[in-house]
Structures are given as structure tokens and as C-alpha cells.
């Protein structure tokens, strides 16, 4: 729940309305596997060696801005397993 709430707070502080029911999900056979990281799916405890997709997103007008990173939970600071790309400019797909 802390992960979801931190993303919500950050997005709202930037002036965006944050309405997503979850901030991320586990990685498995399906596209969006349990456990989900967010208030509609319970207060899960993240444990070392779990892998999640963390995908904050907001709506800007009729458009949705969405990023996604693969995160490994460790005994300390989480590790981002995603390939790093420069996000200083948003890629627009039309």
C-alpha cells in the first residue's frame, strides 16, 4: 500500500488527478497477475525476491500517460530491472 500511496501523492502534488485502482502487479503467466499493488486488492506485504511491474499513469485530457518498470524486491532498496531510457522527453505515439 505504501508504494501505491507514494505514487498517488507524487502525481497529485504535480497537479494530476490520480484514479488508478493499483500502481502495479506481480509478474507471471498472465499480463496482470496477483498480487496487485494497490488498495482495491488488499494490503500485501512485499518480500525479497518478488518481482513486480510498477506502472504509474495519469490521464491528461483524453490521453493517458503511462510508464512501466520491472522491480525486484530486495532486503534493502528495490532494484529496477528495466532497461534505462532517457525520459526527459515523452515519446508520443500517434
N, C-alpha and C. Protein backbone atom coordinates (compact mmCIF):
# COMPACT_ATOMS: atom_id res chain seq x y z
N UNK A 1 0.83 -1.18 0.00
CA UNK A 1 0.00 0.00 0.00
C UNK A 1 0.88 1.25 0.00
N UNK A 2 2.03 1.18 0.66
CA UNK A 2 2.94 2.33 0.72
C UNK A 2 3.39 2.73 -0.68
N UNK A 3 3.66 1.76 -1.53
CA UNK A 3 4.12 2.05 -2.89
C UNK A 3 3.03 2.78 -3.66
N UNK A 4 1.82 2.28 -3.59
CA UNK A 4 0.67 2.91 -4.27
C UNK A 4 0.44 4.33 -3.75
N UNK A 5 0.43 4.49 -2.44
CA UNK A 5 0.17 5.80 -1.85
C UNK A 5 1.26 6.82 -2.17
N UNK A 6 2.51 6.37 -2.26
CA UNK A 6 3.61 7.28 -2.61
C UNK A 6 3.45 7.78 -4.04
N UNK A 7 3.08 6.90 -4.95
CA UNK A 7 2.86 7.31 -6.34
C UNK A 7 1.68 8.27 -6.44
N UNK A 8 0.61 7.96 -5.74
CA UNK A 8 -0.58 8.82 -5.74
C UNK A 8 -0.23 10.22 -5.23
N UNK A 9 0.49 10.28 -4.13
CA UNK A 9 0.88 11.56 -3.53
C UNK A 9 1.75 12.36 -4.50
N UNK A 10 2.70 11.70 -5.15
CA UNK A 10 3.60 12.37 -6.10
C UNK A 10 2.82 12.93 -7.29
N UNK A 11 1.93 12.13 -7.85
CA UNK A 11 1.15 12.57 -9.01
C UNK A 11 0.23 13.74 -8.64
N UNK A 12 -0.42 13.64 -7.48
CA UNK A 12 -1.33 14.71 -7.07
C UNK A 12 -0.57 15.99 -6.73
N UNK A 13 0.63 15.87 -6.17
CA UNK A 13 1.44 17.05 -5.87
C UNK A 13 1.86 17.77 -7.16
N UNK A 14 1.95 17.01 -8.26
CA UNK A 14 2.30 17.59 -9.56
C UNK A 14 1.07 18.15 -10.27
N UNK A 15 -0.11 18.04 -9.63
CA UNK A 15 -1.32 18.61 -10.20
C UNK A 15 -2.16 17.66 -11.03
N UNK A 16 -1.84 16.37 -11.00
CA UNK A 16 -2.62 15.39 -11.75
C UNK A 16 -3.63 14.69 -10.86
N UNK A 17 -4.78 14.35 -11.44
CA UNK A 17 -5.77 13.55 -10.71
C UNK A 17 -5.34 12.09 -10.84
N UNK A 18 -5.19 11.41 -9.73
CA UNK A 18 -4.73 10.01 -9.75
C UNK A 18 -5.90 9.12 -9.36
N UNK A 19 -6.36 8.31 -10.29
CA UNK A 19 -7.55 7.49 -10.05
C UNK A 19 -7.31 6.00 -10.24
N UNK A 20 -6.08 5.60 -10.50
CA UNK A 20 -5.82 4.18 -10.74
C UNK A 20 -6.12 3.33 -9.51
N UNK A 21 -6.72 2.15 -9.70
CA UNK A 21 -7.02 1.27 -8.56
C UNK A 21 -5.79 0.51 -8.05
N UNK A 22 -4.71 0.50 -8.85
CA UNK A 22 -3.46 -0.14 -8.41
C UNK A 22 -2.30 0.49 -9.14
N UNK A 23 -1.12 0.44 -8.52
CA UNK A 23 0.09 1.04 -9.09
C UNK A 23 0.95 -0.01 -9.79
N UNK A 24 0.67 -1.27 -9.52
CA UNK A 24 1.47 -2.32 -10.14
C UNK A 24 0.90 -3.69 -9.89
N UNK A 25 1.62 -4.69 -10.39
CA UNK A 25 1.15 -6.07 -10.31
C UNK A 25 2.33 -7.02 -10.37
N UNK A 26 2.08 -8.24 -9.94
CA UNK A 26 3.10 -9.27 -10.00
C UNK A 26 3.34 -9.69 -11.45
N UNK A 27 4.43 -10.39 -11.67
CA UNK A 27 4.77 -10.88 -13.00
C UNK A 27 4.61 -12.39 -12.99
N UNK A 28 3.87 -12.90 -13.97
CA UNK A 28 3.64 -14.34 -14.03
C UNK A 28 3.12 -14.75 -15.39
N UNK A 29 2.24 -15.72 -15.40
CA UNK A 29 1.71 -16.26 -16.64
C UNK A 29 0.79 -15.26 -17.35
N UNK A 30 -0.04 -14.57 -16.58
CA UNK A 30 -0.96 -13.59 -17.16
C UNK A 30 -0.29 -12.23 -17.30
N UNK A 31 -1.00 -11.30 -17.90
CA UNK A 31 -0.46 -9.96 -18.08
C UNK A 31 -0.45 -9.21 -16.76
N UNK A 32 -1.55 -9.23 -16.05
CA UNK A 32 -1.66 -8.57 -14.74
C UNK A 32 -1.96 -9.65 -13.71
N UNK A 33 -0.93 -10.14 -13.03
CA UNK A 33 -1.08 -11.22 -12.07
C UNK A 33 -1.16 -10.70 -10.64
N UNK A 34 -1.81 -11.47 -9.78
CA UNK A 34 -1.85 -11.16 -8.35
C UNK A 34 -0.49 -11.47 -7.74
N UNK A 35 -0.09 -10.81 -6.69
CA UNK A 35 -0.86 -9.76 -6.05
C UNK A 35 -0.71 -8.42 -6.78
N UNK A 36 -1.78 -7.63 -6.76
CA UNK A 36 -1.73 -6.27 -7.27
C UNK A 36 -1.23 -5.36 -6.16
N UNK A 37 -0.61 -4.27 -6.52
CA UNK A 37 -0.09 -3.31 -5.54
C UNK A 37 -1.05 -2.12 -5.53
N UNK A 38 -1.99 -2.13 -4.61
CA UNK A 38 -2.96 -1.04 -4.53
C UNK A 38 -4.12 -1.36 -3.60
N UNK A 39 -4.92 -0.37 -3.28
CA UNK A 39 -5.95 -0.51 -2.25
C UNK A 39 -7.10 -1.43 -2.61
N UNK A 40 -7.39 -1.65 -3.88
CA UNK A 40 -8.54 -2.49 -4.21
C UNK A 40 -8.22 -3.98 -4.11
N UNK A 41 -6.98 -4.32 -3.86
CA UNK A 41 -6.59 -5.73 -3.83
C UNK A 41 -5.96 -6.17 -2.52
N UNK A 42 -6.15 -5.40 -1.45
CA UNK A 42 -5.63 -5.79 -0.15
C UNK A 42 -4.28 -5.17 0.14
N UNK A 43 -3.85 -5.34 1.35
CA UNK A 43 -2.59 -4.76 1.82
C UNK A 43 -1.53 -5.86 1.84
N UNK A 44 -0.96 -6.17 0.67
CA UNK A 44 0.03 -7.22 0.54
C UNK A 44 1.36 -6.79 1.14
N UNK A 45 2.10 -7.73 1.64
CA UNK A 45 3.45 -7.47 2.16
C UNK A 45 4.43 -7.90 1.07
N UNK A 46 5.27 -6.95 0.64
CA UNK A 46 6.28 -7.26 -0.36
C UNK A 46 7.46 -7.93 0.32
N UNK A 47 7.93 -9.03 -0.25
CA UNK A 47 9.03 -9.80 0.34
C UNK A 47 10.18 -9.91 -0.66
N UNK A 48 11.42 -10.07 -0.14
CA UNK A 48 12.57 -10.21 -1.03
C UNK A 48 12.35 -11.29 -2.10
N UNK A 49 12.84 -11.00 -3.29
CA UNK A 49 12.80 -11.86 -4.48
C UNK A 49 11.46 -11.84 -5.22
N UNK A 50 10.48 -11.06 -4.74
CA UNK A 50 9.26 -10.86 -5.52
C UNK A 50 9.59 -9.87 -6.64
N UNK A 51 8.94 -10.05 -7.79
CA UNK A 51 9.13 -9.16 -8.93
C UNK A 51 7.77 -8.56 -9.30
N UNK A 52 7.77 -7.24 -9.48
CA UNK A 52 6.53 -6.53 -9.81
C UNK A 52 6.76 -5.59 -10.98
N UNK A 53 5.69 -5.32 -11.70
CA UNK A 53 5.65 -4.23 -12.66
C UNK A 53 5.05 -3.05 -11.91
N UNK A 54 5.76 -1.95 -11.84
CA UNK A 54 5.25 -0.73 -11.23
C UNK A 54 4.95 0.21 -12.38
N UNK A 55 3.68 0.63 -12.51
CA UNK A 55 3.26 1.35 -13.69
C UNK A 55 2.37 2.56 -13.36
N UNK A 56 2.99 3.64 -12.89
CA UNK A 56 2.20 4.83 -12.64
C UNK A 56 1.67 5.41 -13.96
N UNK A 57 0.49 5.96 -13.90
CA UNK A 57 -0.09 6.57 -15.09
C UNK A 57 -1.12 7.61 -14.71
N UNK A 58 -1.28 8.59 -15.54
CA UNK A 58 -2.28 9.63 -15.32
C UNK A 58 -2.97 9.94 -16.65
N UNK A 59 -4.14 10.51 -16.57
CA UNK A 59 -4.85 10.99 -17.74
C UNK A 59 -4.61 12.48 -17.87
N UNK A 60 -4.28 12.90 -19.08
CA UNK A 60 -4.13 14.32 -19.39
C UNK A 60 -5.11 14.59 -20.51
N UNK A 61 -6.24 15.20 -20.16
CA UNK A 61 -7.32 15.35 -21.13
C UNK A 61 -7.84 13.97 -21.50
N UNK A 62 -7.85 13.67 -22.79
CA UNK A 62 -8.31 12.35 -23.26
C UNK A 62 -7.17 11.36 -23.43
N UNK A 63 -5.96 11.81 -23.16
CA UNK A 63 -4.78 10.96 -23.35
C UNK A 63 -4.30 10.36 -22.03
N UNK A 64 -3.70 9.19 -22.10
CA UNK A 64 -3.17 8.52 -20.92
C UNK A 64 -1.65 8.47 -21.03
N UNK A 65 -0.98 8.88 -19.97
CA UNK A 65 0.48 8.81 -19.89
C UNK A 65 0.80 7.69 -18.91
N UNK A 66 1.62 6.75 -19.38
CA UNK A 66 1.84 5.53 -18.60
C UNK A 66 3.28 5.08 -18.76
N UNK A 67 3.94 4.79 -17.66
CA UNK A 67 5.28 4.20 -17.70
C UNK A 67 5.24 2.88 -16.96
N UNK A 68 6.22 2.04 -17.19
CA UNK A 68 6.23 0.74 -16.52
C UNK A 68 7.67 0.30 -16.31
N UNK A 69 7.98 -0.12 -15.09
CA UNK A 69 9.29 -0.65 -14.76
C UNK A 69 9.14 -1.99 -14.05
N UNK A 70 10.09 -2.89 -14.30
CA UNK A 70 10.14 -4.18 -13.61
C UNK A 70 11.02 -4.01 -12.39
N UNK A 71 10.47 -4.28 -11.22
CA UNK A 71 11.16 -4.04 -9.95
C UNK A 71 11.34 -5.34 -9.19
N UNK A 72 12.57 -5.58 -8.73
CA UNK A 72 12.89 -6.72 -7.86
C UNK A 72 12.90 -6.22 -6.43
N UNK A 73 12.10 -6.85 -5.58
CA UNK A 73 12.10 -6.52 -4.16
C UNK A 73 13.31 -7.19 -3.53
N UNK A 74 14.09 -6.43 -2.77
CA UNK A 74 15.28 -6.96 -2.10
C UNK A 74 15.11 -6.76 -0.59
N UNK A 75 16.12 -7.13 0.16
CA UNK A 75 16.09 -6.90 1.60
C UNK A 75 16.35 -5.45 1.95
N UNK A 76 16.77 -4.64 0.98
CA UNK A 76 17.05 -3.22 1.18
C UNK A 76 16.32 -2.41 0.13
N UNK A 77 17.08 -1.64 -0.63
CA UNK A 77 16.50 -0.81 -1.69
C UNK A 77 16.09 -1.70 -2.87
N UNK A 78 14.88 -1.48 -3.40
CA UNK A 78 14.40 -2.26 -4.54
C UNK A 78 15.31 -2.03 -5.74
N UNK A 79 15.39 -3.02 -6.64
CA UNK A 79 16.25 -2.93 -7.81
C UNK A 79 15.39 -2.84 -9.07
N UNK A 80 15.65 -1.81 -9.90
CA UNK A 80 14.94 -1.65 -11.16
C UNK A 80 15.61 -2.55 -12.20
N UNK A 81 14.87 -3.53 -12.73
CA UNK A 81 15.40 -4.46 -13.71
C UNK A 81 15.16 -4.00 -15.15
N UNK A 82 14.43 -2.90 -15.31
CA UNK A 82 14.10 -2.39 -16.64
C UNK A 82 15.33 -1.75 -17.28
N UNK A 83 15.34 -1.78 -18.60
CA UNK A 83 16.39 -1.09 -19.33
C UNK A 83 16.17 0.40 -19.16
N UNK A 84 17.19 1.15 -18.84
CA UNK A 84 17.05 2.59 -18.64
C UNK A 84 16.96 3.31 -19.98
N UNK A 85 16.00 4.21 -20.07
CA UNK A 85 15.91 5.09 -21.23
C UNK A 85 15.76 6.52 -20.73
N UNK A 86 16.19 7.46 -21.53
CA UNK A 86 16.06 8.87 -21.18
C UNK A 86 14.59 9.26 -21.28
N UNK A 87 13.99 9.66 -20.17
CA UNK A 87 12.58 10.05 -20.17
C UNK A 87 12.42 11.56 -20.01
N UNK A 88 13.47 12.32 -20.34
CA UNK A 88 13.36 13.77 -20.22
C UNK A 88 12.39 14.32 -21.25
N UNK A 89 12.18 13.59 -22.34
CA UNK A 89 11.16 13.94 -23.32
C UNK A 89 10.23 12.75 -23.47
N UNK A 90 8.94 13.02 -23.46
CA UNK A 90 7.95 11.95 -23.55
C UNK A 90 7.77 11.55 -25.02
N UNK A 91 7.82 10.26 -25.29
CA UNK A 91 7.58 9.73 -26.62
C UNK A 91 6.08 9.71 -26.86
N UNK A 92 5.63 10.33 -27.90
CA UNK A 92 4.21 10.37 -28.25
C UNK A 92 3.99 9.43 -29.41
N UNK A 93 3.09 8.47 -29.25
CA UNK A 93 2.75 7.53 -30.29
C UNK A 93 1.39 7.93 -30.85
N UNK A 94 1.33 8.16 -32.14
CA UNK A 94 0.07 8.57 -32.78
C UNK A 94 -0.39 7.52 -33.76
